[in-house]
Amino acid sequence: MLIKKSLIKQIRQTEKNDTPARLEYYGHPKKVVRAIVKLIEQGKLRYNGVENYTQIIRSLTSVIDVVNVETGKIVSRETLLTYAKWIRTGELPEDE
């Protein structure tokens, strides 16, 4: 029984250490994506030297959760990518 408790404690500690840190951004998802797109367009934000919108957003969302302040829910990576696409094609009005 003592070995089992020790093993469980060791597993929990390992999980705690292996869990990557998460940053949370509380705000309006469309505004944060608009800011990211603007930085990419200005050449100030790149992925391995390339303006790869998809890869940049995927990389950022691997460490940052975008939490919608109106709903309190984390916005999915796919939704953020869709917003980026709409912003780039002009389908998302500036005031949204």
Protein backbone atom coordinates (compact mmCIF):
# COMPACT_ATOMS: atom_id res chain seq x y z
CA MET A 1 0.00 0.00 0.00
CA LEU A 2 2.85 2.40 0.82
CA ILE A 3 4.46 1.74 -2.58
CA LYS A 4 1.15 2.48 -4.31
CA LYS A 5 0.76 5.84 -2.49
CA SER A 6 4.36 6.73 -3.26
CA LEU A 7 3.87 5.87 -6.93
CA ILE A 8 0.68 7.94 -7.14
CA LYS A 9 2.45 10.90 -5.50
CA GLN A 10 5.32 10.58 -7.97
CA ILE A 11 2.94 10.45 -10.95
CA ARG A 12 1.07 13.56 -9.75
CA GLN A 13 4.32 15.46 -9.28
CA THR A 14 5.49 14.45 -12.75
CA GLU A 15 2.16 15.59 -14.26
CA LYS A 16 2.45 18.91 -12.42
CA ASN A 17 5.97 19.47 -13.76
CA ASP A 18 5.12 18.29 -17.29
CA THR A 19 2.05 20.48 -17.66
CA PRO A 20 3.09 23.47 -19.75
CA ALA A 21 2.34 26.91 -18.40
CA ARG A 22 -0.63 28.64 -20.00
CA LEU A 23 -1.04 32.36 -20.43
CA GLU A 24 -4.52 33.80 -20.63
CA TYR A 25 -5.54 36.90 -22.55
CA TYR A 26 -8.89 38.32 -21.45
CA GLY A 27 -10.36 40.56 -24.09
CA HIS A 28 -12.11 40.65 -27.42
CA PRO A 29 -10.87 37.86 -29.72
CA LYS A 30 -11.40 39.80 -32.95
CA LYS A 31 -9.32 42.69 -31.61
CA VAL A 32 -6.41 40.48 -30.59
CA VAL A 33 -6.46 38.73 -33.99
CA ARG A 34 -6.61 42.09 -35.72
CA ALA A 35 -3.50 43.16 -33.76
CA ILE A 36 -1.68 39.94 -34.71
CA VAL A 37 -2.58 40.36 -38.39
CA LYS A 38 -1.39 43.98 -38.30
CA LEU A 39 1.96 42.95 -36.78
CA ILE A 40 2.39 40.27 -39.46
CA GLU A 41 1.49 42.70 -42.26
CA GLN A 42 4.02 45.22 -40.88
CA GLY A 43 6.69 42.52 -40.90
CA LYS A 44 7.09 42.72 -37.14
CA LEU A 45 5.81 39.22 -36.40
CA ARG A 46 7.08 36.22 -38.33
CA TYR A 47 7.38 32.47 -38.03
CA ASN A 48 10.87 31.31 -38.99
CA GLY A 49 11.26 34.48 -41.04
CA VAL A 50 8.02 33.96 -42.97
CA GLU A 51 4.63 35.68 -42.83
CA ASN A 52 2.79 32.45 -42.09
CA TYR A 53 -0.49 33.54 -40.49
CA THR A 54 -1.69 30.03 -39.73
CA GLN A 55 1.54 28.88 -38.12
CA ILE A 56 1.94 32.07 -36.10
CA ILE A 57 -1.58 31.80 -34.66
CA ARG A 58 -1.12 28.07 -34.00
CA SER A 59 2.14 28.75 -32.16
CA LEU A 60 0.68 31.57 -30.09
CA THR A 61 -2.40 29.56 -29.14
CA SER A 62 -0.21 26.70 -27.96
CA VAL A 63 0.79 28.91 -25.00
CA ILE A 64 -1.88 31.63 -24.86
CA ASP A 65 -5.58 31.06 -24.29
CA VAL A 66 -7.73 33.87 -25.65
CA VAL A 67 -10.68 34.23 -23.28
CA ASN A 68 -13.69 36.13 -24.58
CA VAL A 69 -14.60 38.66 -21.87
CA GLU A 70 -18.26 38.61 -22.88
CA THR A 71 -18.70 34.84 -22.55
CA GLY A 72 -15.81 33.85 -20.27
CA LYS A 73 -14.97 31.01 -22.65
CA ILE A 74 -11.69 30.20 -24.35
CA VAL A 75 -11.90 30.91 -28.07
CA SER A 76 -10.80 27.99 -30.22
CA ARG A 77 -7.73 28.10 -32.42
CA GLU A 78 -9.92 27.45 -35.46
CA THR A 79 -12.12 30.46 -34.66
CA LEU A 80 -9.07 32.71 -34.33
CA LEU A 81 -7.75 31.42 -37.67
CA THR A 82 -11.14 32.14 -39.26
CA TYR A 83 -11.08 35.70 -37.88
CA ALA A 84 -7.59 36.17 -39.35
CA LYS A 85 -8.83 34.95 -42.73
CA TRP A 86 -11.82 37.31 -42.63
CA ILE A 87 -9.64 40.25 -41.61
CA ARG A 88 -7.18 39.59 -44.42
CA THR A 89 -9.96 39.30 -47.03
CA GLY A 90 -11.85 42.35 -45.73
CA GLU A 91 -14.88 40.29 -44.68
CA LEU A 92 -14.64 41.43 -41.04
CA PRO A 93 -15.59 45.10 -40.64
CA GLU A 94 -13.18 47.34 -38.68
CA ASP A 95 -15.75 48.12 -35.98
CA GLU A 96 -16.30 44.47 -35.02
